[in-house]
Amino acid sequence: MIMTDRTAKNHEKVVSKIAAMDEPRRTVMRRLHDLILEAAPDLKPRIWYGMPGYAKSASSPVLVFIRNDELISLGVSEKAGPVPAGEGEGRLLPSAWFVDELDDVTERRVAEIVRAAVA
């Protein structure tokens, strides 16, 4: 990820926000942050509605976000252009997933979701 001054400041704000969280959520949020940037290295992190959001530029719409509320969630914004899941899900657009811990399968799925959101 190439960082301008603004991008670097935004990235630092995200890292600081995650670092201020209590364990064990801090570890999960930090790993989600890393997975997002590994899956889509050109995304630029910034604080979005008080939590980490990831966009193609500092001024473009957030495509992927993570939240630390009652549950930790990974979400895809409408700007990512989600498509209906089909099959048994009908016309529902998958846009958010809750996670309480990460394993290899979950990490692979997070990477798939992020890559699809930026495609």
N, C-alpha and C. Protein backbone atom coordinates (compact mmCIF):
# COMPACT_ATOMS: atom_id res chain seq x y z
N MET A 1 0.85 -1.17 0.00
CA MET A 1 0.00 0.00 0.00
C MET A 1 0.90 1.23 0.00
N ILE A 2 0.74 2.06 -1.03
CA ILE A 2 1.47 3.32 -1.10
C ILE A 2 0.74 4.33 -0.22
N MET A 3 1.50 5.01 0.66
CA MET A 3 0.86 5.92 1.62
C MET A 3 1.25 7.37 1.38
N THR A 4 0.24 8.21 1.17
CA THR A 4 0.44 9.64 1.19
C THR A 4 0.37 10.07 2.66
N ASP A 5 0.63 11.32 2.93
CA ASP A 5 0.52 11.80 4.31
C ASP A 5 -0.88 11.56 4.88
N ARG A 6 -1.90 11.86 4.09
CA ARG A 6 -3.28 11.68 4.54
C ARG A 6 -3.57 10.19 4.78
N THR A 7 -3.13 9.35 3.85
CA THR A 7 -3.34 7.91 3.98
C THR A 7 -2.63 7.39 5.22
N ALA A 8 -1.41 7.85 5.45
CA ALA A 8 -0.65 7.40 6.62
C ALA A 8 -1.33 7.84 7.91
N LYS A 9 -1.82 9.06 7.96
CA LYS A 9 -2.53 9.55 9.16
C LYS A 9 -3.80 8.75 9.39
N ASN A 10 -4.55 8.48 8.33
CA ASN A 10 -5.77 7.69 8.46
C ASN A 10 -5.46 6.27 8.93
N HIS A 11 -4.41 5.68 8.38
CA HIS A 11 -4.00 4.34 8.77
C HIS A 11 -3.62 4.31 10.25
N GLU A 12 -2.89 5.31 10.69
CA GLU A 12 -2.49 5.39 12.10
C GLU A 12 -3.71 5.53 13.02
N LYS A 13 -4.70 6.29 12.59
CA LYS A 13 -5.92 6.42 13.39
C LYS A 13 -6.62 5.06 13.54
N VAL A 14 -6.65 4.29 12.46
CA VAL A 14 -7.27 2.97 12.51
C VAL A 14 -6.49 2.05 13.45
N VAL A 15 -5.17 2.04 13.29
CA VAL A 15 -4.33 1.19 14.15
C VAL A 15 -4.49 1.59 15.62
N SER A 16 -4.54 2.88 15.90
CA SER A 16 -4.72 3.36 17.27
C SER A 16 -6.10 2.98 17.82
N LYS A 17 -7.12 3.09 16.98
CA LYS A 17 -8.47 2.71 17.40
C LYS A 17 -8.51 1.25 17.81
N ILE A 18 -7.89 0.40 17.01
CA ILE A 18 -7.87 -1.03 17.32
C ILE A 18 -7.02 -1.29 18.57
N ALA A 19 -5.89 -0.62 18.69
CA ALA A 19 -5.01 -0.83 19.84
C ALA A 19 -5.68 -0.45 21.15
N ALA A 20 -6.64 0.46 21.11
CA ALA A 20 -7.33 0.90 22.32
C ALA A 20 -8.44 -0.06 22.76
N MET A 21 -8.73 -1.06 21.95
CA MET A 21 -9.79 -2.01 22.29
C MET A 21 -9.31 -3.02 23.32
N ASP A 22 -10.24 -3.57 24.07
CA ASP A 22 -9.93 -4.59 25.07
C ASP A 22 -9.73 -5.94 24.39
N GLU A 23 -8.91 -6.75 25.03
CA GLU A 23 -8.75 -8.14 24.58
C GLU A 23 -9.98 -8.93 25.00
N PRO A 24 -10.35 -9.98 24.32
CA PRO A 24 -9.69 -10.58 23.16
C PRO A 24 -10.08 -9.96 21.83
N ARG A 25 -10.99 -8.98 21.87
CA ARG A 25 -11.46 -8.36 20.63
C ARG A 25 -10.36 -7.62 19.87
N ARG A 26 -9.43 -7.02 20.61
CA ARG A 26 -8.34 -6.30 19.96
C ARG A 26 -7.60 -7.23 19.00
N THR A 27 -7.30 -8.44 19.44
CA THR A 27 -6.57 -9.39 18.60
C THR A 27 -7.38 -9.76 17.36
N VAL A 28 -8.68 -9.99 17.52
CA VAL A 28 -9.53 -10.33 16.38
C VAL A 28 -9.61 -9.15 15.42
N MET A 29 -9.84 -7.96 15.94
CA MET A 29 -9.93 -6.77 15.08
C MET A 29 -8.60 -6.50 14.36
N ARG A 30 -7.50 -6.65 15.06
CA ARG A 30 -6.18 -6.44 14.43
C ARG A 30 -5.98 -7.44 13.30
N ARG A 31 -6.36 -8.70 13.53
CA ARG A 31 -6.18 -9.71 12.49
C ARG A 31 -7.12 -9.44 11.31
N LEU A 32 -8.36 -9.01 11.57
CA LEU A 32 -9.26 -8.65 10.48
C LEU A 32 -8.67 -7.51 9.66
N HIS A 33 -8.15 -6.50 10.33
CA HIS A 33 -7.49 -5.37 9.65
C HIS A 33 -6.38 -5.89 8.75
N ASP A 34 -5.53 -6.75 9.28
CA ASP A 34 -4.42 -7.30 8.49
C ASP A 34 -4.93 -8.12 7.31
N LEU A 35 -5.95 -8.94 7.54
CA LEU A 35 -6.51 -9.77 6.47
C LEU A 35 -7.07 -8.91 5.34
N ILE A 36 -7.76 -7.85 5.69
CA ILE A 36 -8.34 -6.95 4.68
C ILE A 36 -7.23 -6.37 3.82
N LEU A 37 -6.17 -5.89 4.46
CA LEU A 37 -5.08 -5.27 3.70
C LEU A 37 -4.24 -6.29 2.93
N GLU A 38 -4.17 -7.52 3.43
CA GLU A 38 -3.48 -8.58 2.68
C GLU A 38 -4.29 -8.97 1.44
N ALA A 39 -5.60 -9.06 1.58
CA ALA A 39 -6.47 -9.45 0.48
C ALA A 39 -6.59 -8.35 -0.58
N ALA A 40 -6.53 -7.11 -0.15
CA ALA A 40 -6.67 -5.97 -1.06
C ALA A 40 -5.69 -4.87 -0.64
N PRO A 41 -4.42 -5.05 -0.99
CA PRO A 41 -3.37 -4.13 -0.52
C PRO A 41 -3.56 -2.66 -0.93
N ASP A 42 -4.35 -2.41 -1.95
CA ASP A 42 -4.56 -1.03 -2.39
C ASP A 42 -5.63 -0.29 -1.61
N LEU A 43 -6.36 -1.00 -0.74
CA LEU A 43 -7.37 -0.32 0.07
C LEU A 43 -6.71 0.62 1.07
N LYS A 44 -7.37 1.71 1.33
CA LYS A 44 -6.88 2.73 2.26
C LYS A 44 -7.79 2.74 3.50
N PRO A 45 -7.24 2.40 4.67
CA PRO A 45 -8.06 2.41 5.88
C PRO A 45 -8.30 3.82 6.39
N ARG A 46 -9.46 4.00 7.02
CA ARG A 46 -9.78 5.26 7.70
C ARG A 46 -10.89 4.98 8.70
N ILE A 47 -11.08 5.90 9.61
CA ILE A 47 -12.16 5.77 10.57
C ILE A 47 -13.46 6.18 9.85
N TRP A 48 -14.46 5.31 9.96
CA TRP A 48 -15.74 5.50 9.28
C TRP A 48 -16.83 5.17 10.28
N TYR A 49 -17.65 6.14 10.61
CA TYR A 49 -18.68 5.98 11.64
C TYR A 49 -18.08 5.42 12.93
N GLY A 50 -16.88 5.88 13.26
CA GLY A 50 -16.24 5.51 14.52
C GLY A 50 -15.48 4.20 14.51
N MET A 51 -15.47 3.49 13.40
CA MET A 51 -14.79 2.20 13.31
C MET A 51 -13.99 2.13 12.01
N PRO A 52 -13.11 1.13 11.88
CA PRO A 52 -12.29 1.03 10.67
C PRO A 52 -13.12 0.77 9.41
N GLY A 53 -12.84 1.55 8.38
CA GLY A 53 -13.43 1.37 7.06
C GLY A 53 -12.31 1.37 6.04
N TYR A 54 -12.54 0.76 4.89
CA TYR A 54 -11.49 0.57 3.88
C TYR A 54 -12.05 0.95 2.52
N ALA A 55 -11.34 1.86 1.84
CA ALA A 55 -11.78 2.39 0.55
C ALA A 55 -10.62 2.39 -0.43
N LYS A 56 -10.93 2.64 -1.70
CA LYS A 56 -9.87 2.67 -2.72
C LYS A 56 -9.02 3.92 -2.63
N SER A 57 -9.55 4.98 -2.02
CA SER A 57 -8.77 6.19 -1.79
C SER A 57 -9.31 6.87 -0.54
N ALA A 58 -8.57 7.84 -0.04
CA ALA A 58 -8.97 8.53 1.19
C ALA A 58 -10.30 9.27 1.03
N SER A 59 -10.67 9.60 -0.21
CA SER A 59 -11.90 10.36 -0.41
C SER A 59 -13.00 9.56 -1.13
N SER A 60 -12.74 8.30 -1.42
CA SER A 60 -13.76 7.49 -2.09
C SER A 60 -14.60 6.73 -1.05
N PRO A 61 -15.75 6.21 -1.46
CA PRO A 61 -16.63 5.52 -0.52
C PRO A 61 -15.99 4.27 0.09
N VAL A 62 -16.31 4.02 1.35
CA VAL A 62 -15.86 2.82 2.02
C VAL A 62 -16.53 1.61 1.38
N LEU A 63 -15.74 0.57 1.13
CA LEU A 63 -16.25 -0.66 0.53
C LEU A 63 -16.41 -1.77 1.56
N VAL A 64 -15.45 -1.83 2.49
CA VAL A 64 -15.42 -2.87 3.52
C VAL A 64 -15.23 -2.19 4.87
N PHE A 65 -15.86 -2.73 5.91
CA PHE A 65 -15.68 -2.15 7.24
C PHE A 65 -15.71 -3.24 8.29
N ILE A 66 -15.15 -2.94 9.45
CA ILE A 66 -15.23 -3.83 10.60
C ILE A 66 -15.73 -3.02 11.78
N ARG A 67 -16.52 -3.66 12.63
CA ARG A 67 -17.10 -2.98 13.79
C ARG A 67 -16.91 -3.82 15.03
N ASN A 68 -16.70 -3.14 16.13
CA ASN A 68 -16.59 -3.78 17.43
C ASN A 68 -17.75 -3.28 18.28
N ASP A 69 -18.89 -3.92 18.13
CA ASP A 69 -20.08 -3.57 18.91
C ASP A 69 -20.33 -4.72 19.89
N GLU A 70 -21.56 -5.07 20.11
CA GLU A 70 -21.83 -6.23 20.97
C GLU A 70 -21.19 -7.48 20.38
N LEU A 71 -21.17 -7.54 19.07
CA LEU A 71 -20.45 -8.58 18.34
C LEU A 71 -19.50 -7.90 17.36
N ILE A 72 -18.43 -8.56 17.00
CA ILE A 72 -17.53 -8.05 15.97
C ILE A 72 -18.15 -8.38 14.62
N SER A 73 -18.16 -7.42 13.73
CA SER A 73 -18.72 -7.69 12.41
C SER A 73 -17.80 -7.22 11.30
N LEU A 74 -17.89 -7.93 10.20
CA LEU A 74 -17.26 -7.57 8.94
C LEU A 74 -18.41 -7.21 8.01
N GLY A 75 -18.31 -6.08 7.34
CA GLY A 75 -19.40 -5.68 6.46
C GLY A 75 -18.90 -5.17 5.13
N VAL A 76 -19.79 -5.23 4.17
CA VAL A 76 -19.55 -4.71 2.83
C VAL A 76 -20.59 -3.64 2.59
N SER A 77 -20.16 -2.45 2.21
CA SER A 77 -21.12 -1.37 1.99
C SER A 77 -21.81 -1.53 0.64
N GLU A 78 -22.89 -0.79 0.47
CA GLU A 78 -23.61 -0.83 -0.80
C GLU A 78 -22.75 -0.33 -1.96
N LYS A 79 -21.71 0.45 -1.66
CA LYS A 79 -20.81 0.97 -2.69
C LYS A 79 -19.93 -0.13 -3.28
N ALA A 80 -19.87 -1.29 -2.62
CA ALA A 80 -19.10 -2.41 -3.14
C ALA A 80 -19.89 -3.17 -4.21
N GLY A 81 -21.16 -2.82 -4.38
CA GLY A 81 -21.98 -3.46 -5.41
C GLY A 81 -22.30 -4.92 -5.14
N PRO A 82 -22.78 -5.23 -3.91
CA PRO A 82 -23.11 -6.63 -3.63
C PRO A 82 -24.19 -7.14 -4.58
N VAL A 83 -24.14 -8.42 -4.87
CA VAL A 83 -25.12 -9.05 -5.75
C VAL A 83 -25.94 -10.07 -4.94
N PRO A 84 -27.16 -10.34 -5.38
CA PRO A 84 -27.97 -11.32 -4.65
C PRO A 84 -27.26 -12.67 -4.52
N ALA A 85 -27.43 -13.29 -3.37
CA ALA A 85 -26.79 -14.57 -3.10
C ALA A 85 -27.36 -15.69 -3.96
N GLY A 86 -28.64 -15.57 -4.32
CA GLY A 86 -29.27 -16.60 -5.15
C GLY A 86 -29.57 -17.85 -4.36
N GLU A 87 -29.81 -18.92 -5.08
CA GLU A 87 -30.16 -20.22 -4.51
C GLU A 87 -31.22 -20.04 -3.42
N GLY A 88 -31.00 -20.59 -2.25
CA GLY A 88 -31.98 -20.53 -1.16
C GLY A 88 -32.09 -19.15 -0.53
N GLU A 89 -31.20 -18.24 -0.87
CA GLU A 89 -31.21 -16.90 -0.29
C GLU A 89 -32.03 -15.91 -1.12
N GLY A 90 -32.49 -16.33 -2.28
CA GLY A 90 -33.31 -15.45 -3.10
C GLY A 90 -32.59 -14.17 -3.49
N ARG A 91 -33.24 -13.05 -3.27
CA ARG A 91 -32.72 -11.74 -3.67
C ARG A 91 -31.97 -11.02 -2.54
N LEU A 92 -31.72 -11.71 -1.42
CA LEU A 92 -30.96 -11.09 -0.33
C LEU A 92 -29.53 -10.81 -0.77
N LEU A 93 -29.03 -9.65 -0.39
CA LEU A 93 -27.66 -9.26 -0.71
C LEU A 93 -26.78 -9.47 0.51
N PRO A 94 -25.85 -10.41 0.47
CA PRO A 94 -24.98 -10.62 1.64
C PRO A 94 -24.15 -9.36 1.90
N SER A 95 -24.23 -8.87 3.13
CA SER A 95 -23.50 -7.62 3.40
C SER A 95 -22.83 -7.56 4.76
N ALA A 96 -23.11 -8.49 5.66
CA ALA A 96 -22.47 -8.43 6.98
C ALA A 96 -22.36 -9.82 7.58
N TRP A 97 -21.27 -10.01 8.33
CA TRP A 97 -21.01 -11.29 8.97
C TRP A 97 -20.48 -11.02 10.36
N PHE A 98 -20.96 -11.76 11.34
CA PHE A 98 -20.46 -11.65 12.71
C PHE A 98 -19.37 -12.68 12.91
N VAL A 99 -18.40 -12.32 13.74
CA VAL A 99 -17.28 -13.22 14.02
C VAL A 99 -16.87 -13.05 15.47
N ASP A 100 -16.57 -14.14 16.15
CA ASP A 100 -16.11 -14.03 17.54
C ASP A 100 -14.66 -14.48 17.68
N GLU A 101 -14.19 -15.28 16.71
CA GLU A 101 -12.77 -15.65 16.67
C GLU A 101 -12.47 -16.05 15.24
N LEU A 102 -11.19 -16.18 14.95
CA LEU A 102 -10.76 -16.49 13.59
C LEU A 102 -10.05 -17.83 13.54
N ASP A 103 -10.37 -18.60 12.52
CA ASP A 103 -9.64 -19.83 12.23
C ASP A 103 -9.26 -19.78 10.74
N ASP A 104 -8.59 -20.78 10.25
CA ASP A 104 -8.13 -20.77 8.86
C ASP A 104 -9.28 -20.63 7.86
N VAL A 105 -10.35 -21.36 8.08
CA VAL A 105 -11.50 -21.30 7.18
C VAL A 105 -12.10 -19.90 7.17
N THR A 106 -12.28 -19.32 8.35
CA THR A 106 -12.86 -17.98 8.45
C THR A 106 -11.93 -16.95 7.81
N GLU A 107 -10.64 -17.07 8.03
CA GLU A 107 -9.70 -16.13 7.42
C GLU A 107 -9.74 -16.21 5.90
N ARG A 108 -9.83 -17.41 5.35
CA ARG A 108 -9.94 -17.55 3.89
C ARG A 108 -11.22 -16.91 3.38
N ARG A 109 -12.31 -17.11 4.11
CA ARG A 109 -13.60 -16.52 3.69
C ARG A 109 -13.57 -15.01 3.76
N VAL A 110 -12.95 -14.45 4.81
CA VAL A 110 -12.82 -12.99 4.91
C VAL A 110 -12.05 -12.46 3.69
N ALA A 111 -10.97 -13.11 3.33
CA ALA A 111 -10.18 -12.68 2.17
C ALA A 111 -11.02 -12.74 0.89
N GLU A 112 -11.83 -13.78 0.72
CA GLU A 112 -12.70 -13.91 -0.45
C GLU A 112 -13.71 -12.76 -0.49
N ILE A 113 -14.31 -12.47 0.65
CA ILE A 113 -15.31 -11.40 0.73
C ILE A 113 -14.67 -10.06 0.36
N VAL A 114 -13.49 -9.79 0.89
CA VAL A 114 -12.81 -8.52 0.61
C VAL A 114 -12.45 -8.43 -0.86
N ARG A 115 -11.88 -9.48 -1.42
CA ARG A 115 -11.51 -9.44 -2.84
C ARG A 115 -12.74 -9.23 -3.72
N ALA A 116 -13.86 -9.86 -3.38
CA ALA A 116 -15.10 -9.67 -4.16
C ALA A 116 -15.60 -8.23 -4.04
N ALA A 117 -15.43 -7.63 -2.87
CA ALA A 117 -15.93 -6.26 -2.65
C ALA A 117 -15.16 -5.23 -3.46
N VAL A 118 -13.90 -5.50 -3.75
CA VAL A 118 -13.09 -4.53 -4.48
C VAL A 118 -12.98 -4.85 -5.96
N ALA A 119 -13.54 -5.98 -6.38
CA ALA A 119 -13.43 -6.39 -7.79
C ALA A 119 -14.23 -5.48 -8.70
